[in-house]
Amino acid sequence: MKFVYWSREVAGWLLILAGLWMFWNTYAFLTNRRIFEAAPAAFIAFVVFRGGVHLLKVAVAAQVARSLPESAQPQTRKASRMPAKSYAPTPAKSVVPGPKSRAAASADGEAA
């Protein structure tokens, strides 16, 4: 497993160096006034460089995760179900609070 970490680390540094070399070539294009060749070269250099940085981040994260004690590993637990939402019709009494109509008031026994 240690080989996997070091292979990511070495690949990350190689990609960073390749990206920097490509940025230098882009600079050479720009000094020779070859603008149309420099634009795609700059984009490719940026992608390669960012790929190298990402590989280095992944390698460091893998090394840190491997150095954690076993007690720090998360324990799996049974997934609980969320309570189901009722789709039944809403009772008329809880729809809108406020003054009642005359028909509702007379049904409840109040005088209008």
C-alpha atoms as a PDB file:
ATOM      1  CA  MET A   1       0.000   0.000   0.000  1.00  0.00           C
ATOM      2  CA  LYS A   2       2.911   2.323   0.551  1.00  0.00           C
ATOM      3  CA  PHE A   3       3.719   2.079  -3.145  1.00  0.00           C
ATOM      4  CA  VAL A   4       0.331   3.552  -4.038  1.00  0.00           C
ATOM      5  CA  TYR A   5       1.015   6.630  -1.909  1.00  0.00           C
ATOM      6  CA  TRP A   6       4.463   7.176  -3.383  1.00  0.00           C
ATOM      7  CA  SER A   7       3.265   6.591  -6.924  1.00  0.00           C
ATOM      8  CA  ARG A   8       0.642   9.319  -6.479  1.00  0.00           C
ATOM      9  CA  GLU A   9       3.217  11.617  -4.950  1.00  0.00           C
ATOM     10  CA  VAL A  10       5.737  11.085  -7.751  1.00  0.00           C
ATOM     11  CA  ALA A  11       3.074  11.354 -10.465  1.00  0.00           C
ATOM     12  CA  GLY A  12       1.819  14.583  -8.917  1.00  0.00           C
ATOM     13  CA  TRP A  13       5.275  16.145  -8.897  1.00  0.00           C
ATOM     14  CA  LEU A  14       5.920  14.992 -12.473  1.00  0.00           C
ATOM     15  CA  LEU A  15       2.655  16.567 -13.624  1.00  0.00           C
ATOM     16  CA  ILE A  16       3.500  19.800 -11.824  1.00  0.00           C
ATOM     17  CA  LEU A  17       6.903  19.903 -13.504  1.00  0.00           C
ATOM     18  CA  ALA A  18       5.351  19.119 -16.898  1.00  0.00           C
ATOM     19  CA  GLY A  19       2.803  21.897 -16.371  1.00  0.00           C
ATOM     20  CA  LEU A  20       5.528  24.387 -15.474  1.00  0.00           C
ATOM     21  CA  TRP A  21       7.529  23.348 -18.546  1.00  0.00           C
ATOM     22  CA  MET A  22       4.431  23.863 -20.689  1.00  0.00           C
ATOM     23  CA  PHE A  23       3.929  27.322 -19.138  1.00  0.00           C
ATOM     24  CA  TRP A  24       7.537  28.126 -20.078  1.00  0.00           C
ATOM     25  CA  ASN A  25       6.824  27.045 -23.655  1.00  0.00           C
ATOM     26  CA  THR A  26       3.733  29.265 -23.628  1.00  0.00           C
ATOM     27  CA  TYR A  27       5.919  32.164 -22.535  1.00  0.00           C
ATOM     28  CA  ALA A  28       8.301  31.375 -25.397  1.00  0.00           C
ATOM     29  CA  PHE A  29       5.356  31.425 -27.826  1.00  0.00           C
ATOM     30  CA  LEU A  30       4.281  34.812 -26.510  1.00  0.00           C
ATOM     31  CA  THR A  31       7.765  36.326 -26.774  1.00  0.00           C
ATOM     32  CA  ASN A  32       7.878  35.193 -30.420  1.00  0.00           C
ATOM     33  CA  ARG A  33       4.449  36.803 -31.030  1.00  0.00           C
ATOM     34  CA  ARG A  34       2.748  33.466 -31.701  1.00  0.00           C
ATOM     35  CA  ILE A  35      -0.434  34.328 -29.833  1.00  0.00           C
ATOM     36  CA  PHE A  36      -2.725  31.764 -31.454  1.00  0.00           C
ATOM     37  CA  GLU A  37      -0.386  28.920 -30.516  1.00  0.00           C
ATOM     38  CA  ALA A  38       0.042  30.258 -26.971  1.00  0.00           C
ATOM     39  CA  ALA A  39      -3.641  30.228 -25.989  1.00  0.00           C
ATOM     40  CA  PRO A  40      -4.244  26.446 -26.300  1.00  0.00           C
ATOM     41  CA  ALA A  41      -0.804  25.752 -24.826  1.00  0.00           C
ATOM     42  CA  ALA A  42      -1.653  27.874 -21.773  1.00  0.00           C
ATOM     43  CA  PHE A  43      -4.965  26.060 -21.282  1.00  0.00           C
ATOM     44  CA  ILE A  44      -3.320  22.627 -21.546  1.00  0.00           C
ATOM     45  CA  ALA A  45      -0.548  23.691 -19.173  1.00  0.00           C
ATOM     46  CA  PHE A  46      -3.144  24.891 -16.661  1.00  0.00           C
ATOM     47  CA  VAL A  47      -5.035  21.581 -16.791  1.00  0.00           C
ATOM     48  CA  VAL A  48      -1.855  19.514 -16.396  1.00  0.00           C
ATOM     49  CA  PHE A  49      -0.601  21.682 -13.536  1.00  0.00           C
ATOM     50  CA  ARG A  50      -3.936  21.482 -11.680  1.00  0.00           C
ATOM     51  CA  GLY A  51      -3.968  17.715 -12.175  1.00  0.00           C
ATOM     52  CA  GLY A  52      -0.593  17.486 -10.487  1.00  0.00           C
ATOM     53  CA  VAL A  53      -1.743  19.611  -7.552  1.00  0.00           C
ATOM     54  CA  HIS A  54      -4.812  17.429  -7.194  1.00  0.00           C
ATOM     55  CA  LEU A  55      -2.734  14.244  -7.139  1.00  0.00           C
ATOM     56  CA  LEU A  56      -0.530  15.704  -4.422  1.00  0.00           C
ATOM     57  CA  LYS A  57      -3.599  16.597  -2.335  1.00  0.00           C
ATOM     58  CA  VAL A  58      -4.978  13.077  -2.727  1.00  0.00           C
ATOM     59  CA  ALA A  59      -1.639  11.527  -1.755  1.00  0.00           C
ATOM     60  CA  VAL A  60      -1.378  13.638   1.386  1.00  0.00           C
ATOM     61  CA  ALA A  61      -4.988  12.903   2.345  1.00  0.00           C
ATOM     62  CA  ALA A  62      -4.374   9.168   1.905  1.00  0.00           C
ATOM     63  CA  GLN A  63      -1.304   9.334   4.121  1.00  0.00           C
ATOM     64  CA  VAL A  64      -3.175  11.236   6.834  1.00  0.00           C
ATOM     65  CA  ALA A  65      -6.123   8.835   6.703  1.00  0.00           C
ATOM     66  CA  ARG A  66      -3.786   5.862   7.021  1.00  0.00           C
ATOM     67  CA  SER A  67      -2.122   7.328  10.101  1.00  0.00           C
ATOM     68  CA  LEU A  68      -5.430   7.667  11.999  1.00  0.00           C
ATOM     69  CA  PRO A  69      -5.959   5.216  14.854  1.00  0.00           C
ATOM     70  CA  GLU A  70      -8.569   2.511  14.372  1.00  0.00           C
ATOM     71  CA  SER A  71     -10.792   4.047  17.071  1.00  0.00           C
ATOM     72  CA  ALA A  72     -11.114   7.222  14.965  1.00  0.00           C
ATOM     73  CA  GLN A  73     -12.664   5.299  12.080  1.00  0.00           C
ATOM     74  CA  PRO A  74     -16.414   5.931  11.829  1.00  0.00           C
ATOM     75  CA  GLN A  75     -18.612   3.091  13.000  1.00  0.00           C
ATOM     76  CA  THR A  76     -21.321   1.932  10.665  1.00  0.00           C
ATOM     77  CA  ARG A  77     -24.821   2.235  12.020  1.00  0.00           C
ATOM     78  CA  LYS A  78     -28.200   1.116  10.899  1.00  0.00           C
ATOM     79  CA  ALA A  79     -29.912   3.607   8.648  1.00  0.00           C
ATOM     80  CA  SER A  80     -33.060   4.957  10.246  1.00  0.00           C
ATOM     81  CA  ARG A  81     -36.138   5.700   8.235  1.00  0.00           C
ATOM     82  CA  MET A  82     -37.539   9.170   8.207  1.00  0.00           C
ATOM     83  CA  PRO A  83     -41.188   9.426   9.234  1.00  0.00           C
ATOM     84  CA  ALA A  84     -43.498   9.328   6.251  1.00  0.00           C
ATOM     85  CA  LYS A  85     -45.388  12.478   5.351  1.00  0.00           C
ATOM     86  CA  SER A  86     -49.148  12.149   5.355  1.00  0.00           C
ATOM     87  CA  TYR A  87     -50.887  12.858   2.060  1.00  0.00           C
ATOM     88  CA  ALA A  88     -54.403  12.726   3.519  1.00  0.00           C
ATOM     89  CA  PRO A  89     -56.766  15.691   3.104  1.00  0.00           C
ATOM     90  CA  THR A  90     -56.219  18.504   5.583  1.00  0.00           C
ATOM     91  CA  PRO A  91     -58.957  18.789   8.260  1.00  0.00           C
ATOM     92  CA  ALA A  92     -61.198  21.838   7.713  1.00  0.00           C
ATOM     93  CA  LYS A  93     -60.650  23.188  11.246  1.00  0.00           C
ATOM     94  CA  SER A  94     -56.900  23.571  10.761  1.00  0.00           C
ATOM     95  CA  VAL A  95     -56.911  25.226   7.356  1.00  0.00           C
ATOM     96  CA  VAL A  96     -57.203  28.958   8.090  1.00  0.00           C
ATOM     97  CA  PRO A  97     -57.654  30.556  11.491  1.00  0.00           C
ATOM     98  CA  GLY A  98     -59.833  33.641  11.620  1.00  0.00           C
ATOM     99  CA  PRO A  99     -63.436  34.772  11.642  1.00  0.00           C
ATOM    100  CA  LYS A 100     -65.916  32.058  10.797  1.00  0.00           C
ATOM    101  CA  SER A 101     -68.639  32.396   8.237  1.00  0.00           C
ATOM    102  CA  ARG A 102     -72.285  32.508   9.375  1.00  0.00           C
ATOM    103  CA  ALA A 103     -72.896  28.959   8.179  1.00  0.00           C
ATOM    104  CA  ALA A 104     -69.955  27.586  10.152  1.00  0.00           C
ATOM    105  CA  ALA A 105     -70.861  29.625  13.220  1.00  0.00           C
ATOM    106  CA  SER A 106     -74.457  28.366  13.210  1.00  0.00           C
ATOM    107  CA  ALA A 107     -73.235  24.783  12.820  1.00  0.00           C
ATOM    108  CA  ASP A 108     -71.101  25.194  15.981  1.00  0.00           C
ATOM    109  CA  GLY A 109     -74.012  26.629  17.942  1.00  0.00           C
ATOM    110  CA  GLU A 110     -72.874  30.260  18.133  1.00  0.00           C
ATOM    111  CA  ALA A 111     -75.256  33.122  17.433  1.00  0.00           C
ATOM    112  CA  ALA A 112     -74.417  35.433  14.577  1.00  0.00           C
END
